[in-house]
N, C-alpha and C. Protein backbone atom coordinates (compact mmCIF):
# COMPACT_ATOMS: atom_id res chain seq x y z
N MET A 1 153.78 -221.81 -45.04
CA MET A 1 153.27 -222.46 -46.35
C MET A 1 151.69 -222.00 -46.50
N THR A 2 151.43 -221.87 -47.90
CA THR A 2 150.08 -221.43 -48.13
C THR A 2 149.47 -222.45 -49.15
N LYS A 3 148.35 -222.97 -48.74
CA LYS A 3 147.46 -223.78 -49.57
C LYS A 3 146.48 -222.94 -50.31
N ILE A 4 146.51 -223.21 -51.69
CA ILE A 4 145.68 -222.43 -52.54
C ILE A 4 144.76 -223.46 -53.30
N PHE A 5 143.44 -223.00 -53.21
CA PHE A 5 142.44 -223.75 -53.99
C PHE A 5 142.41 -223.11 -55.49
N VAL A 6 142.16 -223.99 -56.31
CA VAL A 6 142.24 -223.72 -57.78
C VAL A 6 141.02 -224.34 -58.37
N GLY A 7 139.87 -223.48 -58.71
CA GLY A 7 138.69 -223.94 -59.35
C GLY A 7 138.64 -223.64 -60.87
N SER A 8 137.67 -224.48 -61.57
CA SER A 8 137.41 -224.22 -62.76
C SER A 8 138.62 -224.70 -63.75
N LEU A 9 139.34 -225.73 -63.34
CA LEU A 9 140.40 -226.45 -64.01
C LEU A 9 139.86 -227.07 -65.32
N PRO A 10 140.59 -226.92 -66.43
CA PRO A 10 140.21 -227.93 -67.62
C PRO A 10 140.28 -229.46 -66.98
N TYR A 11 139.33 -230.20 -67.47
CA TYR A 11 139.23 -231.69 -66.94
C TYR A 11 140.31 -232.50 -67.50
N THR A 12 141.11 -231.83 -68.49
CA THR A 12 142.22 -232.60 -68.83
C THR A 12 143.56 -232.34 -67.93
N MET A 13 143.48 -231.32 -67.25
CA MET A 13 144.72 -230.95 -66.61
C MET A 13 145.17 -232.05 -65.49
N GLN A 14 146.47 -232.27 -65.51
CA GLN A 14 147.19 -233.14 -64.66
C GLN A 14 147.88 -232.50 -63.57
N ASN A 15 148.47 -233.14 -62.43
CA ASN A 15 149.15 -232.57 -61.26
C ASN A 15 150.41 -231.86 -61.90
N GLN A 16 151.01 -232.24 -62.76
CA GLN A 16 152.35 -231.82 -63.22
C GLN A 16 151.98 -230.46 -63.97
N GLU A 17 151.00 -230.34 -64.81
CA GLU A 17 150.84 -229.16 -65.55
C GLU A 17 150.06 -228.09 -64.55
N LEU A 18 149.49 -228.43 -63.37
CA LEU A 18 149.17 -227.51 -62.53
C LEU A 18 150.28 -226.99 -61.76
N SER A 19 151.23 -228.06 -61.37
CA SER A 19 152.51 -227.52 -60.75
C SER A 19 153.34 -226.51 -61.52
N GLU A 20 153.43 -226.65 -62.87
CA GLU A 20 154.16 -225.89 -63.87
C GLU A 20 153.37 -224.47 -63.83
N LEU A 21 152.06 -224.55 -63.86
CA LEU A 21 151.41 -223.20 -63.84
C LEU A 21 151.79 -222.27 -62.77
N PHE A 22 151.87 -222.89 -61.72
CA PHE A 22 152.15 -222.08 -60.42
C PHE A 22 153.78 -221.77 -60.14
N ALA A 23 154.61 -222.76 -60.65
CA ALA A 23 156.02 -222.45 -60.54
C ALA A 23 156.58 -221.23 -61.02
N SER A 24 155.97 -220.68 -61.93
CA SER A 24 156.58 -219.42 -62.41
C SER A 24 156.35 -218.20 -61.45
N PHE A 25 155.67 -218.56 -60.28
CA PHE A 25 155.60 -217.50 -59.27
C PHE A 25 156.26 -217.83 -57.95
N GLY A 26 156.82 -219.01 -57.94
CA GLY A 26 157.77 -219.37 -56.79
C GLY A 26 157.61 -220.89 -56.59
N LYS A 27 158.30 -221.22 -55.42
CA LYS A 27 158.44 -222.72 -55.10
C LYS A 27 157.22 -223.39 -54.84
N VAL A 28 156.80 -224.63 -55.62
CA VAL A 28 155.54 -225.30 -55.34
C VAL A 28 155.96 -226.45 -54.51
N SER A 29 155.42 -226.70 -53.30
CA SER A 29 155.59 -227.84 -52.56
C SER A 29 154.82 -229.06 -53.18
N THR A 30 153.49 -228.80 -53.36
CA THR A 30 152.59 -229.88 -53.98
C THR A 30 151.71 -229.25 -54.95
N ALA A 31 151.13 -230.01 -55.97
CA ALA A 31 150.14 -229.63 -56.70
C ALA A 31 149.21 -230.82 -57.07
N THR A 32 147.98 -230.82 -56.61
CA THR A 32 147.04 -232.06 -56.77
C THR A 32 145.70 -231.58 -57.38
N VAL A 33 145.49 -232.30 -58.49
CA VAL A 33 144.20 -232.19 -59.22
C VAL A 33 143.38 -233.23 -58.54
N ILE A 34 142.18 -232.87 -58.15
CA ILE A 34 141.12 -233.80 -57.21
C ILE A 34 140.40 -234.53 -58.35
N MET A 35 140.43 -235.92 -58.17
CA MET A 35 139.96 -236.83 -59.12
C MET A 35 138.79 -237.56 -58.53
N ASP A 36 137.52 -237.81 -59.26
CA ASP A 36 136.57 -238.55 -58.87
C ASP A 36 136.97 -239.99 -58.41
N LYS A 37 136.71 -240.50 -57.29
CA LYS A 37 137.12 -241.86 -56.98
C LYS A 37 136.36 -242.91 -57.57
N PHE A 38 135.39 -242.72 -58.21
CA PHE A 38 134.55 -243.79 -58.95
C PHE A 38 134.99 -243.67 -60.37
N THR A 39 135.02 -242.70 -60.97
CA THR A 39 135.22 -242.57 -62.48
C THR A 39 136.79 -242.42 -62.78
N GLY A 40 137.46 -241.86 -61.89
CA GLY A 40 138.91 -241.57 -62.17
C GLY A 40 139.11 -240.11 -62.91
N GLN A 41 138.19 -239.60 -63.21
CA GLN A 41 138.14 -238.22 -63.99
C GLN A 41 138.28 -237.14 -63.13
N SER A 42 138.86 -236.04 -63.68
CA SER A 42 139.23 -234.89 -62.81
C SER A 42 137.93 -234.29 -62.33
N ARG A 43 137.66 -233.63 -61.34
CA ARG A 43 136.66 -233.03 -60.65
C ARG A 43 136.58 -231.54 -60.99
N GLY A 44 137.55 -231.13 -61.71
CA GLY A 44 137.77 -229.75 -62.19
C GLY A 44 138.28 -228.74 -61.25
N PHE A 45 138.87 -229.30 -60.14
CA PHE A 45 139.42 -228.52 -59.10
C PHE A 45 140.71 -229.06 -58.57
N GLY A 46 141.44 -228.26 -57.71
CA GLY A 46 142.75 -228.86 -57.30
C GLY A 46 143.14 -227.91 -56.14
N PHE A 47 144.35 -228.42 -55.53
CA PHE A 47 144.91 -227.59 -54.51
C PHE A 47 146.67 -227.35 -54.87
N VAL A 48 147.13 -226.32 -54.46
CA VAL A 48 148.57 -226.04 -54.54
C VAL A 48 149.15 -225.48 -53.32
N GLU A 49 150.20 -226.04 -52.90
CA GLU A 49 150.84 -225.58 -51.76
C GLU A 49 152.25 -224.86 -52.07
N MET A 50 152.37 -223.79 -51.74
CA MET A 50 153.57 -222.88 -52.02
C MET A 50 154.27 -222.50 -50.65
N GLU A 51 155.58 -222.54 -50.80
CA GLU A 51 156.46 -222.43 -49.37
C GLU A 51 156.40 -221.02 -49.12
N SER A 52 156.36 -220.03 -49.84
CA SER A 52 156.21 -218.69 -49.58
C SER A 52 154.91 -218.03 -49.64
N ASP A 53 154.57 -217.30 -48.48
CA ASP A 53 153.21 -216.65 -48.67
C ASP A 53 153.17 -215.60 -49.47
N GLU A 54 154.25 -214.78 -49.67
CA GLU A 54 154.39 -213.65 -50.67
C GLU A 54 154.09 -214.35 -52.13
N GLU A 55 154.84 -215.26 -52.39
CA GLU A 55 154.79 -215.88 -53.80
C GLU A 55 153.34 -216.47 -54.07
N ALA A 56 152.66 -217.05 -53.02
CA ALA A 56 151.50 -217.52 -53.03
C ALA A 56 150.39 -216.40 -53.46
N GLN A 57 150.60 -215.41 -52.67
CA GLN A 57 149.61 -214.30 -52.77
C GLN A 57 149.79 -213.71 -54.25
N LYS A 58 151.16 -213.58 -54.75
CA LYS A 58 151.31 -213.10 -56.19
C LYS A 58 150.48 -214.00 -57.16
N ALA A 59 150.75 -215.29 -56.98
CA ALA A 59 150.09 -216.44 -57.74
C ALA A 59 148.63 -216.30 -57.87
N ILE A 60 148.09 -216.09 -56.63
CA ILE A 60 146.63 -215.90 -56.59
C ILE A 60 146.19 -214.65 -57.36
N THR A 61 146.78 -213.52 -56.99
CA THR A 61 146.55 -212.16 -57.64
C THR A 61 146.57 -212.38 -59.33
N GLU A 62 147.62 -213.05 -59.77
CA GLU A 62 147.78 -213.14 -61.17
C GLU A 62 147.05 -214.21 -61.94
N LEU A 63 146.77 -215.28 -61.19
CA LEU A 63 146.11 -216.35 -61.91
C LEU A 63 144.62 -216.46 -61.88
N ASN A 64 144.05 -215.71 -60.76
CA ASN A 64 142.46 -215.65 -60.46
C ASN A 64 141.95 -214.95 -61.81
N GLY A 65 141.01 -215.66 -62.59
CA GLY A 65 140.47 -215.09 -63.76
C GLY A 65 141.30 -215.49 -64.93
N TYR A 66 142.43 -216.06 -64.83
CA TYR A 66 143.34 -216.42 -66.00
C TYR A 66 142.68 -217.56 -66.72
N LYS A 67 142.81 -217.45 -67.98
CA LYS A 67 142.13 -218.44 -68.92
C LYS A 67 143.03 -219.62 -69.29
N VAL A 68 142.62 -220.69 -69.07
CA VAL A 68 143.43 -221.89 -69.36
C VAL A 68 142.47 -222.68 -70.25
N GLY A 69 142.77 -222.64 -71.53
CA GLY A 69 141.74 -223.48 -72.50
C GLY A 69 140.64 -222.55 -72.64
N ASP A 70 139.49 -223.07 -72.48
CA ASP A 70 138.21 -222.35 -72.53
C ASP A 70 137.62 -222.04 -71.00
N ARG A 71 138.28 -222.26 -70.09
CA ARG A 71 137.96 -221.96 -68.70
C ARG A 71 138.58 -220.75 -68.07
N GLU A 72 138.05 -220.18 -67.16
CA GLU A 72 138.55 -219.01 -66.35
C GLU A 72 138.85 -219.53 -64.98
N LEU A 73 140.03 -219.75 -64.56
CA LEU A 73 140.40 -220.18 -63.24
C LEU A 73 139.69 -219.39 -62.04
N ALA A 74 139.47 -219.89 -61.07
CA ALA A 74 139.02 -219.31 -59.92
C ALA A 74 140.19 -219.76 -58.73
N VAL A 75 140.87 -218.62 -58.39
CA VAL A 75 142.06 -219.11 -57.48
C VAL A 75 141.95 -218.20 -56.11
N SER A 76 142.23 -218.91 -55.05
CA SER A 76 142.08 -218.19 -53.72
C SER A 76 142.69 -219.08 -52.69
N VAL A 77 142.96 -218.35 -51.51
CA VAL A 77 143.54 -219.30 -50.46
C VAL A 77 142.45 -220.25 -50.05
N ALA A 78 142.95 -221.43 -49.64
CA ALA A 78 142.06 -222.54 -49.46
C ALA A 78 141.51 -222.41 -48.05
N ARG A 79 140.26 -222.62 -47.97
CA ARG A 79 139.65 -222.60 -46.54
C ARG A 79 139.89 -223.97 -45.82
N PRO A 80 139.91 -223.96 -44.66
CA PRO A 80 140.12 -225.28 -43.83
C PRO A 80 138.86 -226.14 -44.33
N ARG A 81 139.27 -227.52 -44.27
CA ARG A 81 138.27 -228.36 -44.62
C ARG A 81 137.14 -228.40 -43.43
N GLU A 82 135.82 -228.53 -43.82
CA GLU A 82 134.97 -228.68 -42.81
C GLU A 82 134.88 -230.16 -42.44
N GLU A 83 134.61 -230.31 -41.16
CA GLU A 83 134.35 -231.65 -40.50
C GLU A 83 133.06 -232.22 -40.92
N ARG A 84 132.97 -233.48 -41.68
CA ARG A 84 131.75 -233.94 -41.90
C ARG A 84 131.60 -235.34 -41.20
N PRO A 85 130.51 -235.89 -40.87
CA PRO A 85 130.32 -237.00 -40.01
C PRO A 85 130.73 -238.22 -41.07
N ALA A 86 131.31 -239.20 -40.42
CA ALA A 86 131.64 -240.38 -41.21
C ALA A 86 130.66 -241.32 -41.65
N GLY A 87 130.78 -241.89 -42.62
CA GLY A 87 129.65 -242.81 -43.15
C GLY A 87 128.77 -242.26 -44.09
N GLY A 88 127.54 -242.90 -44.45
CA GLY A 88 126.72 -242.56 -45.55
C GLY A 88 125.44 -241.98 -44.88
N GLY A 89 125.32 -241.86 -43.56
CA GLY A 89 123.94 -241.44 -42.79
C GLY A 89 123.29 -242.78 -42.38
N ASP A 90 122.28 -242.37 -41.71
CA ASP A 90 121.57 -243.49 -41.10
C ASP A 90 120.23 -243.76 -41.84
N PHE A 91 120.09 -244.80 -42.52
CA PHE A 91 118.87 -244.99 -43.42
C PHE A 91 117.68 -244.88 -42.52
N ARG A 92 117.63 -245.24 -41.31
CA ARG A 92 116.25 -245.21 -40.33
C ARG A 92 115.88 -243.83 -40.14
N ARG A 93 116.73 -242.85 -40.07
CA ARG A 93 116.46 -241.49 -39.76
C ARG A 93 116.26 -240.68 -40.99
N ASP A 94 116.68 -241.07 -42.13
CA ASP A 94 116.66 -240.19 -43.41
C ASP A 94 115.40 -240.64 -44.11
N ASN A 95 114.17 -240.15 -43.74
CA ASN A 95 112.89 -240.45 -44.35
C ASN A 95 112.76 -239.83 -45.65
N ASN A 96 113.51 -238.83 -46.07
CA ASN A 96 113.27 -238.13 -47.37
C ASN A 96 113.97 -238.78 -48.50
N ARG A 97 114.73 -239.79 -48.34
CA ARG A 97 115.39 -240.37 -49.24
C ARG A 97 114.71 -241.73 -49.97
N GLY A 98 113.68 -242.01 -49.39
CA GLY A 98 112.93 -243.09 -49.93
C GLY A 98 113.59 -244.55 -49.37
N GLY A 99 113.13 -245.63 -49.85
CA GLY A 99 113.68 -246.75 -49.40
C GLY A 99 113.05 -247.31 -48.09
N PHE A 100 113.78 -248.18 -47.42
CA PHE A 100 113.20 -248.77 -46.05
C PHE A 100 113.22 -247.72 -44.90
N ASP A 101 112.00 -247.80 -44.17
CA ASP A 101 111.93 -246.97 -43.06
C ASP A 101 111.40 -247.92 -42.00
N ARG A 102 112.12 -248.21 -41.02
CA ARG A 102 111.59 -249.13 -39.94
C ARG A 102 110.38 -248.84 -39.24
N ASN A 103 110.10 -247.47 -39.19
CA ASN A 103 108.87 -246.94 -38.50
C ASN A 103 107.58 -247.15 -39.28
N ARG A 104 107.73 -247.47 -40.62
CA ARG A 104 106.70 -247.38 -41.38
C ARG A 104 106.53 -248.79 -42.22
N GLY A 105 107.53 -249.65 -42.15
CA GLY A 105 107.43 -250.91 -42.77
C GLY A 105 108.16 -250.71 -44.26
N GLY A 106 107.89 -251.83 -44.87
CA GLY A 106 108.60 -251.74 -46.22
C GLY A 106 107.92 -250.77 -47.33
N SER A 107 107.91 -251.25 -48.50
CA SER A 107 107.28 -250.31 -49.65
C SER A 107 105.95 -250.46 -49.88
N GLY A 108 105.35 -251.49 -48.97
CA GLY A 108 103.83 -251.61 -49.20
C GLY A 108 103.53 -252.64 -50.30
N GLY A 109 102.27 -252.61 -50.70
CA GLY A 109 101.79 -253.54 -51.74
C GLY A 109 101.20 -254.79 -51.09
N GLY A 110 100.75 -255.72 -51.92
CA GLY A 110 100.45 -257.02 -51.44
C GLY A 110 99.03 -257.08 -50.99
N PHE A 111 98.71 -258.12 -50.20
CA PHE A 111 97.38 -258.34 -49.77
C PHE A 111 96.94 -257.48 -48.59
N ASN A 112 95.76 -256.96 -48.59
CA ASN A 112 95.29 -256.09 -47.40
C ASN A 112 93.96 -256.68 -46.84
N ARG A 113 93.99 -257.32 -45.58
CA ARG A 113 92.84 -258.00 -45.11
C ARG A 113 91.87 -257.06 -44.80
N ASP A 114 92.07 -255.78 -44.51
CA ASP A 114 90.92 -254.86 -44.09
C ASP A 114 90.26 -254.38 -45.25
N ARG A 115 90.59 -254.62 -46.40
CA ARG A 115 89.90 -254.15 -47.58
C ARG A 115 88.80 -255.26 -48.01
N ARG A 116 87.54 -254.70 -48.17
CA ARG A 116 86.53 -255.74 -48.66
C ARG A 116 85.80 -255.10 -49.84
């Protein structure tokens, strides 16, 4: 089974349309358009899994650069997902993002006794 990355998808494309696009090259196991978890809108890319490696390679060759609407698809074998640390980071160590820093105190301001 081959997993294929499909970039530059039209933002209106749905899973079914993506599946149909690849089905002309062979058996599609899954086709998923990635959606933004906050807005519910397409992020403009997706993944297709095809059962046959030969059919997947033919689909990649034929569809890479293929125009759908006003967008030119970028199609390639999907790379393995990179491991990312869980969570949103440690606010105490990330001094470049602004906000609270335990080592420096709050945002400042207010009364200063040393000033005369």
